[in-house]
N, C-alpha and C. Protein backbone atom coordinates (compact mmCIF):
# COMPACT_ATOMS: atom_id res chain seq x y z
N MET A 1 -32.11 -3.36 -162.30
CA MET A 1 -32.66 -4.54 -161.66
C MET A 1 -32.64 -4.35 -160.15
N GLN A 2 -33.71 -4.77 -159.50
CA GLN A 2 -33.80 -4.60 -158.06
C GLN A 2 -33.16 -5.79 -157.35
N ALA A 3 -32.47 -5.46 -156.28
CA ALA A 3 -31.88 -6.52 -155.46
C ALA A 3 -32.96 -7.12 -154.57
N LYS A 4 -32.98 -8.45 -154.49
CA LYS A 4 -33.97 -9.11 -153.65
C LYS A 4 -33.55 -9.02 -152.19
N PRO A 5 -34.47 -8.69 -151.31
CA PRO A 5 -34.13 -8.62 -149.89
C PRO A 5 -33.88 -10.02 -149.33
N SER A 6 -33.10 -10.06 -148.29
CA SER A 6 -32.80 -11.33 -147.64
C SER A 6 -34.04 -11.86 -146.92
N THR A 7 -34.28 -13.15 -147.06
CA THR A 7 -35.42 -13.76 -146.40
C THR A 7 -34.98 -14.72 -145.29
N ALA A 8 -33.74 -14.61 -144.85
CA ALA A 8 -33.22 -15.52 -143.82
C ALA A 8 -34.01 -15.40 -142.52
N LYS A 9 -34.38 -14.17 -142.16
CA LYS A 9 -35.14 -13.96 -140.93
C LYS A 9 -36.49 -14.68 -140.99
N TYR A 10 -37.14 -14.63 -142.15
CA TYR A 10 -38.43 -15.28 -142.29
C TYR A 10 -38.31 -16.80 -142.28
N TRP A 11 -37.21 -17.34 -142.83
CA TRP A 11 -37.00 -18.79 -142.77
C TRP A 11 -36.80 -19.25 -141.33
N VAL A 12 -36.05 -18.47 -140.57
CA VAL A 12 -35.83 -18.83 -139.16
C VAL A 12 -37.15 -18.80 -138.40
N LEU A 13 -37.94 -17.76 -138.61
CA LEU A 13 -39.23 -17.67 -137.94
C LEU A 13 -40.18 -18.79 -138.37
N PHE A 14 -40.13 -19.16 -139.64
CA PHE A 14 -40.96 -20.27 -140.11
C PHE A 14 -40.58 -21.56 -139.40
N PHE A 15 -39.29 -21.84 -139.29
CA PHE A 15 -38.88 -23.08 -138.64
C PHE A 15 -39.17 -23.07 -137.13
N VAL A 16 -39.13 -21.90 -136.51
CA VAL A 16 -39.52 -21.80 -135.11
C VAL A 16 -41.00 -22.15 -134.96
N TRP A 17 -41.85 -21.59 -135.82
CA TRP A 17 -43.27 -21.90 -135.78
C TRP A 17 -43.53 -23.36 -136.12
N LEU A 18 -42.73 -23.92 -137.02
CA LEU A 18 -42.89 -25.33 -137.38
C LEU A 18 -42.59 -26.24 -136.19
N VAL A 19 -41.56 -25.91 -135.44
CA VAL A 19 -41.24 -26.69 -134.24
C VAL A 19 -42.38 -26.56 -133.22
N ILE A 20 -42.92 -25.37 -133.07
CA ILE A 20 -44.05 -25.18 -132.16
C ILE A 20 -45.24 -26.03 -132.60
N LEU A 21 -45.50 -26.08 -133.91
CA LEU A 21 -46.60 -26.90 -134.42
C LEU A 21 -46.39 -28.37 -134.13
N ILE A 22 -45.18 -28.85 -134.35
CA ILE A 22 -44.89 -30.27 -134.12
C ILE A 22 -45.02 -30.62 -132.65
N VAL A 23 -44.51 -29.76 -131.78
CA VAL A 23 -44.62 -30.01 -130.34
C VAL A 23 -46.09 -30.02 -129.92
N MET A 24 -46.86 -29.08 -130.44
CA MET A 24 -48.27 -29.02 -130.08
C MET A 24 -49.04 -30.22 -130.62
N LEU A 25 -48.66 -30.70 -131.79
CA LEU A 25 -49.36 -31.83 -132.39
C LEU A 25 -49.07 -33.13 -131.65
N TYR A 26 -47.85 -33.31 -131.19
CA TYR A 26 -47.45 -34.55 -130.53
C TYR A 26 -47.42 -34.43 -129.01
N ASP A 27 -48.25 -33.57 -128.48
CA ASP A 27 -48.34 -33.43 -127.04
C ASP A 27 -48.92 -34.70 -126.44
N ILE A 28 -48.26 -35.25 -125.45
CA ILE A 28 -48.67 -36.52 -124.86
C ILE A 28 -49.99 -36.38 -124.10
N ASN A 29 -50.14 -35.33 -123.33
CA ASN A 29 -51.35 -35.16 -122.53
C ASN A 29 -52.53 -34.66 -123.34
N GLY A 30 -52.27 -34.10 -124.51
CA GLY A 30 -53.35 -33.60 -125.35
C GLY A 30 -53.84 -32.22 -125.00
N PHE A 31 -53.17 -31.54 -124.06
CA PHE A 31 -53.63 -30.20 -123.65
C PHE A 31 -53.43 -29.18 -124.76
N THR A 32 -52.25 -29.16 -125.38
CA THR A 32 -51.97 -28.15 -126.40
C THR A 32 -52.50 -28.53 -127.77
N ARG A 33 -52.95 -29.76 -127.93
CA ARG A 33 -53.43 -30.19 -129.24
C ARG A 33 -54.64 -29.39 -129.68
N LYS A 34 -55.49 -28.98 -128.74
CA LYS A 34 -56.66 -28.19 -129.12
C LYS A 34 -56.30 -26.76 -129.51
N PHE A 35 -55.10 -26.31 -129.16
CA PHE A 35 -54.63 -24.98 -129.55
C PHE A 35 -53.72 -25.03 -130.78
N PHE A 36 -53.61 -26.18 -131.39
CA PHE A 36 -52.78 -26.38 -132.58
C PHE A 36 -53.14 -25.39 -133.69
N TRP A 37 -54.43 -25.14 -133.86
CA TRP A 37 -54.89 -24.27 -134.95
C TRP A 37 -54.44 -22.83 -134.77
N LEU A 38 -54.16 -22.42 -133.55
CA LEU A 38 -53.72 -21.04 -133.32
C LEU A 38 -52.31 -20.78 -133.81
N ALA A 39 -51.51 -21.82 -133.97
CA ALA A 39 -50.14 -21.65 -134.44
C ALA A 39 -50.02 -21.73 -135.96
N LEU A 40 -51.06 -22.20 -136.64
CA LEU A 40 -51.00 -22.32 -138.10
C LEU A 40 -50.81 -20.99 -138.83
N PRO A 41 -51.51 -19.91 -138.47
CA PRO A 41 -51.29 -18.66 -139.20
C PRO A 41 -49.86 -18.15 -139.12
N GLY A 42 -49.21 -18.30 -137.98
CA GLY A 42 -47.82 -17.87 -137.87
C GLY A 42 -46.91 -18.66 -138.79
N ALA A 43 -47.09 -19.96 -138.83
CA ALA A 43 -46.24 -20.80 -139.68
C ALA A 43 -46.46 -20.49 -141.16
N PHE A 44 -47.71 -20.40 -141.57
CA PHE A 44 -47.98 -20.17 -142.99
C PHE A 44 -47.62 -18.76 -143.43
N THR A 45 -47.81 -17.79 -142.57
CA THR A 45 -47.45 -16.41 -142.93
C THR A 45 -45.96 -16.28 -143.18
N TYR A 46 -45.16 -16.82 -142.27
CA TYR A 46 -43.71 -16.69 -142.45
C TYR A 46 -43.19 -17.58 -143.57
N PHE A 47 -43.88 -18.68 -143.89
CA PHE A 47 -43.49 -19.48 -145.04
C PHE A 47 -43.71 -18.70 -146.34
N VAL A 48 -44.85 -18.04 -146.43
CA VAL A 48 -45.17 -17.26 -147.63
C VAL A 48 -44.21 -16.08 -147.76
N LYS A 49 -43.87 -15.44 -146.65
CA LYS A 49 -42.92 -14.33 -146.71
C LYS A 49 -41.52 -14.82 -147.07
N ALA A 50 -41.13 -15.99 -146.59
CA ALA A 50 -39.81 -16.53 -146.91
C ALA A 50 -39.71 -16.90 -148.38
N MET A 51 -40.81 -17.30 -148.98
CA MET A 51 -40.82 -17.64 -150.40
C MET A 51 -40.98 -16.40 -151.29
N ASN A 52 -41.07 -15.22 -150.70
CA ASN A 52 -41.27 -13.96 -151.43
C ASN A 52 -42.56 -13.95 -152.24
N LEU A 53 -43.61 -14.51 -151.70
CA LEU A 53 -44.89 -14.50 -152.38
C LEU A 53 -45.73 -13.29 -152.00
N ILE A 54 -45.36 -12.62 -150.92
CA ILE A 54 -46.03 -11.39 -150.49
C ILE A 54 -45.09 -10.22 -150.76
N ASP A 55 -45.57 -9.24 -151.49
CA ASP A 55 -44.78 -8.05 -151.74
C ASP A 55 -45.02 -7.07 -150.61
N GLU A 56 -43.98 -6.74 -149.87
CA GLU A 56 -44.13 -5.90 -148.69
C GLU A 56 -44.47 -4.45 -149.03
N ASN A 57 -44.21 -4.02 -150.26
CA ASN A 57 -44.46 -2.63 -150.64
C ASN A 57 -45.86 -2.40 -151.18
N THR A 58 -46.62 -3.47 -151.37
CA THR A 58 -47.97 -3.33 -151.89
C THR A 58 -48.93 -3.01 -150.75
N PRO A 59 -49.71 -1.95 -150.88
CA PRO A 59 -50.67 -1.64 -149.80
C PRO A 59 -51.75 -2.71 -149.71
N ALA A 60 -52.24 -2.92 -148.51
CA ALA A 60 -53.26 -3.95 -148.28
C ALA A 60 -54.60 -3.54 -148.81
């Protein structure tokens, strides 16, 4: 049986991106709100990696 790799690093990165998303969404001046969509790929990528839904050994 294979040992599952630790996903703690990916959870930390996901929560960092989540905080960035929340700050960008609730920006008072509205300047960063238009760049909100640029932070979505980072958040979703690290969420999927933290859930082990992407196999890192599979070639693209």
